[in-house]
Amino acid sequence: MSHNKLIEISTFLSPELIERKIYLIRGKKVMFDRDLASLYGVTTGNLNKAVVRNLDRFPAEFMLQLNPQEFKNLIFQFGTSSWGGTRKRPRVFTEYGILMLSSVLNSDRGM
């Protein structure tokens, strides 16, 4: 990997950026599937497909799916545009789930 690529990735993964993507849901610090997809350089759809193919590797301590009320609150907070946005209940991942994603995704970026 070239030096410029390392600088680009390390800048992209600044602690401040990651901290802004951490939410507290059900008393757990989590990150949303869409944010992790962006950090790993894959689409949200591909991230979720990889999770579905490997569900046995994601116990409840690793991953949650928002319930309908949490999802409704999320849409209210973040909004949904006519061209896209959050339409399905997203998955959120704990620290252990994020580490497991590293092993199931085909991505050049690691966390």
C-alpha atoms as a PDB file:
ATOM      1  CA  MET A   1       0.000   0.000   0.000  1.00  0.00           C
ATOM      2  CA  SER A   2       1.418   3.400  -0.953  1.00  0.00           C
ATOM      3  CA  HIS A   3       2.261   6.045   1.619  1.00  0.00           C
ATOM      4  CA  ASN A   4      -0.451   8.367   0.230  1.00  0.00           C
ATOM      5  CA  LYS A   5      -3.066   5.631   0.589  1.00  0.00           C
ATOM      6  CA  LEU A   6      -2.051   5.087   4.236  1.00  0.00           C
ATOM      7  CA  ILE A   7      -2.385   8.806   4.944  1.00  0.00           C
ATOM      8  CA  GLU A   8      -5.795   8.885   3.240  1.00  0.00           C
ATOM      9  CA  ILE A   9      -7.109   5.927   5.259  1.00  0.00           C
ATOM     10  CA  SER A  10      -5.670   7.134   8.571  1.00  0.00           C
ATOM     11  CA  THR A  11      -7.184  10.584   8.006  1.00  0.00           C
ATOM     12  CA  PHE A  12     -10.466   8.992   7.034  1.00  0.00           C
ATOM     13  CA  LEU A  13     -10.503   6.937  10.241  1.00  0.00           C
ATOM     14  CA  SER A  14      -9.750   9.742  12.661  1.00  0.00           C
ATOM     15  CA  PRO A  15     -10.876   9.088  16.237  1.00  0.00           C
ATOM     16  CA  GLU A  16     -13.095  12.187  16.106  1.00  0.00           C
ATOM     17  CA  LEU A  17     -14.941  10.901  13.048  1.00  0.00           C
ATOM     18  CA  ILE A  18     -15.491   7.490  14.590  1.00  0.00           C
ATOM     19  CA  GLU A  19     -16.630   8.967  17.919  1.00  0.00           C
ATOM     20  CA  ARG A  20     -19.322  10.978  16.117  1.00  0.00           C
ATOM     21  CA  LYS A  21     -20.689   7.733  14.652  1.00  0.00           C
ATOM     22  CA  ILE A  22     -21.136   5.969  18.008  1.00  0.00           C
ATOM     23  CA  TYR A  23     -24.643   5.964  19.488  1.00  0.00           C
ATOM     24  CA  LEU A  24     -26.091   4.633  22.727  1.00  0.00           C
ATOM     25  CA  ILE A  25     -28.973   2.247  22.013  1.00  0.00           C
ATOM     26  CA  ARG A  26     -30.460  -0.044  24.657  1.00  0.00           C
ATOM     27  CA  GLY A  27     -27.582   0.883  26.936  1.00  0.00           C
ATOM     28  CA  LYS A  28     -24.944  -0.282  24.431  1.00  0.00           C
ATOM     29  CA  LYS A  29     -22.483   1.753  22.406  1.00  0.00           C
ATOM     30  CA  VAL A  30     -23.135   0.870  18.774  1.00  0.00           C
ATOM     31  CA  MET A  31     -22.476   1.963  15.216  1.00  0.00           C
ATOM     32  CA  PHE A  32     -25.004   1.841  12.381  1.00  0.00           C
ATOM     33  CA  ASP A  33     -24.612  -0.479   9.416  1.00  0.00           C
ATOM     34  CA  ARG A  34     -24.522   2.451   6.977  1.00  0.00           C
ATOM     35  CA  ASP A  35     -21.685   4.165   8.873  1.00  0.00           C
ATOM     36  CA  LEU A  36     -19.669   0.960   9.093  1.00  0.00           C
ATOM     37  CA  ALA A  37     -20.230   0.281   5.395  1.00  0.00           C
ATOM     38  CA  SER A  38     -18.809   3.711   4.633  1.00  0.00           C
ATOM     39  CA  LEU A  39     -15.802   3.135   6.894  1.00  0.00           C
ATOM     40  CA  TYR A  40     -15.129  -0.278   5.348  1.00  0.00           C
ATOM     41  CA  GLY A  41     -15.588   1.041   1.798  1.00  0.00           C
ATOM     42  CA  VAL A  42     -18.517  -1.234   0.903  1.00  0.00           C
ATOM     43  CA  THR A  43     -22.204  -0.593   0.277  1.00  0.00           C
ATOM     44  CA  THR A  44     -24.680  -0.991   3.110  1.00  0.00           C
ATOM     45  CA  GLY A  45     -26.388  -3.698   1.057  1.00  0.00           C
ATOM     46  CA  ASN A  46     -23.177  -5.689   0.673  1.00  0.00           C
ATOM     47  CA  LEU A  47     -22.382  -5.315   4.367  1.00  0.00           C
ATOM     48  CA  ASN A  48     -25.811  -6.662   5.304  1.00  0.00           C
ATOM     49  CA  LYS A  49     -25.547  -9.511   2.770  1.00  0.00           C
ATOM     50  CA  ALA A  50     -22.257 -10.560   4.373  1.00  0.00           C
ATOM     51  CA  VAL A  51     -23.926 -10.481   7.790  1.00  0.00           C
ATOM     52  CA  VAL A  52     -26.877 -12.590   6.596  1.00  0.00           C
ATOM     53  CA  ARG A  53     -24.475 -15.153   5.102  1.00  0.00           C
ATOM     54  CA  ASN A  54     -22.706 -15.344   8.478  1.00  0.00           C
ATOM     55  CA  LEU A  55     -25.537 -14.835  10.991  1.00  0.00           C
ATOM     56  CA  ASP A  56     -24.161 -17.556  13.261  1.00  0.00           C
ATOM     57  CA  ARG A  57     -21.107 -15.335  13.831  1.00  0.00           C
ATOM     58  CA  PHE A  58     -23.228 -12.415  15.095  1.00  0.00           C
ATOM     59  CA  PRO A  59     -24.910 -13.288  18.405  1.00  0.00           C
ATOM     60  CA  ALA A  60     -27.116 -10.751  20.210  1.00  0.00           C
ATOM     61  CA  GLU A  61     -24.079  -9.269  21.995  1.00  0.00           C
ATOM     62  CA  PHE A  62     -22.570  -8.373  18.608  1.00  0.00           C
ATOM     63  CA  MET A  63     -25.525  -6.974  16.668  1.00  0.00           C
ATOM     64  CA  LEU A  64     -29.040  -5.600  17.156  1.00  0.00           C
ATOM     65  CA  GLN A  65     -31.774  -4.672  14.724  1.00  0.00           C
ATOM     66  CA  LEU A  66     -33.756  -1.616  15.690  1.00  0.00           C
ATOM     67  CA  ASN A  67     -37.341  -2.290  16.763  1.00  0.00           C
ATOM     68  CA  PRO A  68     -40.179  -0.400  15.002  1.00  0.00           C
ATOM     69  CA  GLN A  69     -40.299   2.403  17.607  1.00  0.00           C
ATOM     70  CA  GLU A  70     -36.526   2.908  17.551  1.00  0.00           C
ATOM     71  CA  PHE A  71     -36.692   2.984  13.744  1.00  0.00           C
ATOM     72  CA  LYS A  72     -39.506   5.545  13.805  1.00  0.00           C
ATOM     73  CA  ASN A  73     -37.429   7.747  16.122  1.00  0.00           C
ATOM     74  CA  LEU A  74     -34.424   7.322  13.834  1.00  0.00           C
ATOM     75  CA  ILE A  75     -36.375   8.465  10.767  1.00  0.00           C
ATOM     76  CA  PHE A  76     -37.617  11.471  12.739  1.00  0.00           C
ATOM     77  CA  GLN A  77     -34.052  12.372  13.774  1.00  0.00           C
ATOM     78  CA  PHE A  78     -32.237  11.746  10.495  1.00  0.00           C
ATOM     79  CA  GLY A  79     -35.043  12.080   7.939  1.00  0.00           C
ATOM     80  CA  THR A  80     -35.710  10.147   4.761  1.00  0.00           C
ATOM     81  CA  SER A  81     -35.417  11.749   1.358  1.00  0.00           C
ATOM     82  CA  SER A  82     -37.487  10.921  -1.695  1.00  0.00           C
ATOM     83  CA  TRP A  83     -34.367   9.629  -3.481  1.00  0.00           C
ATOM     84  CA  GLY A  84     -33.163   7.296  -0.769  1.00  0.00           C
ATOM     85  CA  GLY A  85     -32.167   7.152   2.845  1.00  0.00           C
ATOM     86  CA  THR A  86     -33.132   4.870   5.667  1.00  0.00           C
ATOM     87  CA  ARG A  87     -36.169   2.816   4.674  1.00  0.00           C
ATOM     88  CA  LYS A  88     -35.452  -0.514   6.376  1.00  0.00           C
ATOM     89  CA  ARG A  89     -34.778  -1.040  10.043  1.00  0.00           C
ATOM     90  CA  PRO A  90     -31.000  -0.795  10.260  1.00  0.00           C
ATOM     91  CA  ARG A  91     -28.681  -3.113  12.080  1.00  0.00           C
ATOM     92  CA  VAL A  92     -26.386  -1.690  14.708  1.00  0.00           C
ATOM     93  CA  PHE A  93     -23.154  -3.317  15.834  1.00  0.00           C
ATOM     94  CA  THR A  94     -21.367  -3.383  19.163  1.00  0.00           C
ATOM     95  CA  GLU A  95     -17.581  -3.296  19.407  1.00  0.00           C
ATOM     96  CA  TYR A  96     -17.444  -7.092  19.074  1.00  0.00           C
ATOM     97  CA  GLY A  97     -19.744  -7.001  16.059  1.00  0.00           C
ATOM     98  CA  ILE A  98     -17.536  -4.421  14.395  1.00  0.00           C
ATOM     99  CA  LEU A  99     -14.518  -6.666  14.888  1.00  0.00           C
ATOM    100  CA  MET A 100     -16.440  -9.624  13.453  1.00  0.00           C
ATOM    101  CA  LEU A 101     -17.385  -7.558  10.394  1.00  0.00           C
ATOM    102  CA  SER A 102     -13.675  -7.232   9.635  1.00  0.00           C
ATOM    103  CA  SER A 103     -13.472 -10.981   9.174  1.00  0.00           C
ATOM    104  CA  VAL A 104     -16.571 -11.413   6.985  1.00  0.00           C
ATOM    105  CA  LEU A 105     -16.225  -8.436   4.631  1.00  0.00           C
ATOM    106  CA  ASN A 106     -14.200  -8.428   1.451  1.00  0.00           C
ATOM    107  CA  SER A 107     -12.672  -5.014   2.021  1.00  0.00           C
ATOM    108  CA  ASP A 108      -9.173  -3.593   1.811  1.00  0.00           C
ATOM    109  CA  ARG A 109      -9.942  -1.445   4.829  1.00  0.00           C
ATOM    110  CA  GLY A 110      -9.665  -2.845   8.317  1.00  0.00           C
ATOM    111  CA  MET A 111     -10.546  -1.218  11.594  1.00  0.00           C
END
